[in-house]
Amino acid sequence: MLKKQFRLRKKYQFNYVYRVGQSCHGKYMLLVYTKSKNKNIKIGISASKKIGGAIIRNRARRLLRAAISPYLDGLNPNFNLIIVAKQSIVGEKLNVVKQDLENILKKAELL
């Protein structure tokens, strides 16, 4: 579970990142990011109904939270991120998702 200080919580925060942010695609997820005025990084995790039912969406969000947690200390501060799960994440293992996330973060120059 992400600590409160690292979470995007409000709908207007998500809307701002989607409207202003840049995106990077990976095999299992989409990363949308933008600069922020906050001193530490804020992360939101999303999985749409296109992925599947509630159990599958919750598992996808859990995988993404577990994948991002080792990188929290190494990420550039002053950014807001949204990680959106793709359909291909269903049934994947944590180490594969973590590797894909690392590639995306490097491509976006956030690591």
C-alpha atoms as a PDB file:
ATOM      1  CA  MET A   1       0.000   0.000   0.000  1.00  0.00           C
ATOM      2  CA  LEU A   2       1.275   3.442  -0.883  1.00  0.00           C
ATOM      3  CA  LYS A   3       1.605   5.900   1.994  1.00  0.00           C
ATOM      4  CA  LYS A   4      -0.827   8.818   1.988  1.00  0.00           C
ATOM      5  CA  GLN A   5       1.923  11.286   1.143  1.00  0.00           C
ATOM      6  CA  PHE A   6       2.494   9.491  -2.189  1.00  0.00           C
ATOM      7  CA  ARG A   7      -1.152   9.186  -3.342  1.00  0.00           C
ATOM      8  CA  LEU A   8      -3.242  11.159  -5.785  1.00  0.00           C
ATOM      9  CA  ARG A   9      -6.659  11.153  -4.177  1.00  0.00           C
ATOM     10  CA  LYS A  10      -9.024  13.695  -5.706  1.00  0.00           C
ATOM     11  CA  LYS A  11     -10.749  13.611  -9.071  1.00  0.00           C
ATOM     12  CA  TYR A  12      -9.465  17.074  -9.999  1.00  0.00           C
ATOM     13  CA  GLN A  13      -5.884  15.858  -9.466  1.00  0.00           C
ATOM     14  CA  PHE A  14      -6.421  12.943 -11.852  1.00  0.00           C
ATOM     15  CA  ASN A  15      -8.143  15.222 -14.391  1.00  0.00           C
ATOM     16  CA  TYR A  16      -5.260  17.703 -14.274  1.00  0.00           C
ATOM     17  CA  VAL A  17      -2.646  15.011 -14.928  1.00  0.00           C
ATOM     18  CA  TYR A  18      -4.694  13.520 -17.783  1.00  0.00           C
ATOM     19  CA  ARG A  19      -5.280  16.950 -19.353  1.00  0.00           C
ATOM     20  CA  VAL A  20      -1.768  18.436 -19.030  1.00  0.00           C
ATOM     21  CA  GLY A  21       0.490  15.395 -18.741  1.00  0.00           C
ATOM     22  CA  GLN A  22       2.660  13.451 -21.132  1.00  0.00           C
ATOM     23  CA  SER A  23       2.371   9.706 -21.578  1.00  0.00           C
ATOM     24  CA  CYS A  24       4.590   6.671 -22.075  1.00  0.00           C
ATOM     25  CA  HIS A  25       3.285   3.257 -23.084  1.00  0.00           C
ATOM     26  CA  GLY A  26       4.536  -0.116 -22.002  1.00  0.00           C
ATOM     27  CA  LYS A  27       3.304  -3.629 -22.617  1.00  0.00           C
ATOM     28  CA  TYR A  28       1.323  -3.838 -19.371  1.00  0.00           C
ATOM     29  CA  MET A  29       0.620  -0.225 -18.457  1.00  0.00           C
ATOM     30  CA  LEU A  30       0.355   3.390 -19.503  1.00  0.00           C
ATOM     31  CA  LEU A  31       2.179   6.090 -17.541  1.00  0.00           C
ATOM     32  CA  VAL A  32       0.840   9.652 -17.575  1.00  0.00           C
ATOM     33  CA  TYR A  33       2.992  12.229 -15.796  1.00  0.00           C
ATOM     34  CA  THR A  34       3.301  15.961 -15.285  1.00  0.00           C
ATOM     35  CA  LYS A  35       5.280  18.437 -13.199  1.00  0.00           C
ATOM     36  CA  SER A  36       3.786  19.421  -9.874  1.00  0.00           C
ATOM     37  CA  LYS A  37       4.224  22.143  -7.258  1.00  0.00           C
ATOM     38  CA  ASN A  38       4.412  19.573  -4.455  1.00  0.00           C
ATOM     39  CA  LYS A  39       7.772  18.682  -2.975  1.00  0.00           C
ATOM     40  CA  ASN A  40       7.252  14.937  -3.215  1.00  0.00           C
ATOM     41  CA  ILE A  41       5.905  12.641  -5.870  1.00  0.00           C
ATOM     42  CA  LYS A  42       2.193  11.775  -6.046  1.00  0.00           C
ATOM     43  CA  ILE A  43       1.008   8.554  -7.690  1.00  0.00           C
ATOM     44  CA  GLY A  44      -2.433   7.417  -8.800  1.00  0.00           C
ATOM     45  CA  ILE A  45      -3.207   3.903  -9.989  1.00  0.00           C
ATOM     46  CA  SER A  46      -6.123   3.086 -12.257  1.00  0.00           C
ATOM     47  CA  ALA A  47      -7.654   0.019 -13.895  1.00  0.00           C
ATOM     48  CA  SER A  48     -10.717   0.406 -16.104  1.00  0.00           C
ATOM     49  CA  LYS A  49     -13.623  -1.995 -16.521  1.00  0.00           C
ATOM     50  CA  LYS A  50     -12.199  -3.015 -19.894  1.00  0.00           C
ATOM     51  CA  ILE A  51      -9.726  -5.202 -17.992  1.00  0.00           C
ATOM     52  CA  GLY A  52     -12.372  -7.339 -16.326  1.00  0.00           C
ATOM     53  CA  GLY A  53     -14.420  -7.707 -13.192  1.00  0.00           C
ATOM     54  CA  ALA A  54     -13.674  -6.285  -9.773  1.00  0.00           C
ATOM     55  CA  ILE A  55     -11.395  -9.133  -8.710  1.00  0.00           C
ATOM     56  CA  ILE A  56      -9.217  -8.793 -11.796  1.00  0.00           C
ATOM     57  CA  ARG A  57      -9.074  -4.982 -11.531  1.00  0.00           C
ATOM     58  CA  ASN A  58      -8.106  -5.166  -7.852  1.00  0.00           C
ATOM     59  CA  ARG A  59      -5.333  -7.656  -8.639  1.00  0.00           C
ATOM     60  CA  ALA A  60      -4.030  -5.366 -11.395  1.00  0.00           C
ATOM     61  CA  ARG A  61      -3.954  -2.406  -8.995  1.00  0.00           C
ATOM     62  CA  ARG A  62      -2.198  -4.504  -6.340  1.00  0.00           C
ATOM     63  CA  LEU A  63       0.421  -5.571  -8.895  1.00  0.00           C
ATOM     64  CA  LEU A  64       1.034  -1.962  -9.916  1.00  0.00           C
ATOM     65  CA  ARG A  65       1.320  -0.777  -6.305  1.00  0.00           C
ATOM     66  CA  ALA A  66       3.800  -3.554  -5.531  1.00  0.00           C
ATOM     67  CA  ALA A  67       5.778  -2.765  -8.697  1.00  0.00           C
ATOM     68  CA  ILE A  68       6.115   0.981  -7.986  1.00  0.00           C
ATOM     69  CA  SER A  69       6.981   0.747  -4.285  1.00  0.00           C
ATOM     70  CA  PRO A  70      10.712  -0.152  -4.713  1.00  0.00           C
ATOM     71  CA  TYR A  71      11.200   2.878  -6.990  1.00  0.00           C
ATOM     72  CA  LEU A  72       9.633   5.528  -4.719  1.00  0.00           C
ATOM     73  CA  ASP A  73      12.957   6.693  -3.285  1.00  0.00           C
ATOM     74  CA  GLY A  74      14.669   6.882  -6.680  1.00  0.00           C
ATOM     75  CA  LEU A  75      11.961   8.815  -8.559  1.00  0.00           C
ATOM     76  CA  ASN A  76      12.412  12.483  -9.408  1.00  0.00           C
ATOM     77  CA  PRO A  77      10.428  14.658  -6.971  1.00  0.00           C
ATOM     78  CA  ASN A  78       7.873  17.292  -8.030  1.00  0.00           C
ATOM     79  CA  PHE A  79       5.937  14.973 -10.345  1.00  0.00           C
ATOM     80  CA  ASN A  80       2.423  13.590 -10.423  1.00  0.00           C
ATOM     81  CA  LEU A  81       2.054  10.132 -12.014  1.00  0.00           C
ATOM     82  CA  ILE A  82      -0.905   8.039 -13.035  1.00  0.00           C
ATOM     83  CA  ILE A  83      -0.311   4.398 -13.888  1.00  0.00           C
ATOM     84  CA  VAL A  84      -3.126   2.834 -15.911  1.00  0.00           C
ATOM     85  CA  ALA A  85      -3.273  -0.947 -16.237  1.00  0.00           C
ATOM     86  CA  LYS A  86      -3.733  -2.470 -19.691  1.00  0.00           C
ATOM     87  CA  GLN A  87      -5.603  -5.667 -20.577  1.00  0.00           C
ATOM     88  CA  SER A  88      -2.305  -7.556 -21.012  1.00  0.00           C
ATOM     89  CA  ILE A  89      -1.502  -7.293 -17.277  1.00  0.00           C
ATOM     90  CA  VAL A  90      -4.080  -9.977 -16.458  1.00  0.00           C
ATOM     91  CA  GLY A  91      -2.319 -13.128 -15.272  1.00  0.00           C
ATOM     92  CA  GLU A  92       1.203 -11.675 -15.271  1.00  0.00           C
ATOM     93  CA  LYS A  93       3.791 -12.074 -12.511  1.00  0.00           C
ATOM     94  CA  LEU A  94       5.169  -9.242 -10.398  1.00  0.00           C
ATOM     95  CA  ASN A  95       8.752  -9.384 -11.694  1.00  0.00           C
ATOM     96  CA  VAL A  96       7.597  -9.015 -15.326  1.00  0.00           C
ATOM     97  CA  VAL A  97       5.383  -6.032 -14.457  1.00  0.00           C
ATOM     98  CA  LYS A  98       8.184  -4.472 -12.398  1.00  0.00           C
ATOM     99  CA  GLN A  99      10.618  -4.745 -15.326  1.00  0.00           C
ATOM    100  CA  ASP A 100       8.097  -3.114 -17.680  1.00  0.00           C
ATOM    101  CA  LEU A 101       7.536  -0.291 -15.186  1.00  0.00           C
ATOM    102  CA  GLU A 102      11.279   0.283 -14.849  1.00  0.00           C
ATOM    103  CA  ASN A 103      11.608   0.557 -18.645  1.00  0.00           C
ATOM    104  CA  ILE A 104       8.763   3.075 -18.797  1.00  0.00           C
ATOM    105  CA  LEU A 105      10.190   5.174 -15.961  1.00  0.00           C
ATOM    106  CA  LYS A 106      13.575   5.286 -17.691  1.00  0.00           C
ATOM    107  CA  LYS A 107      11.959   6.225 -21.003  1.00  0.00           C
ATOM    108  CA  ALA A 108      10.095   9.070 -19.273  1.00  0.00           C
ATOM    109  CA  GLU A 109      13.349  10.102 -17.496  1.00  0.00           C
ATOM    110  CA  LEU A 110      11.727   9.874 -14.072  1.00  0.00           C
ATOM    111  CA  LEU A 111      14.320   7.496 -12.560  1.00  0.00           C
END
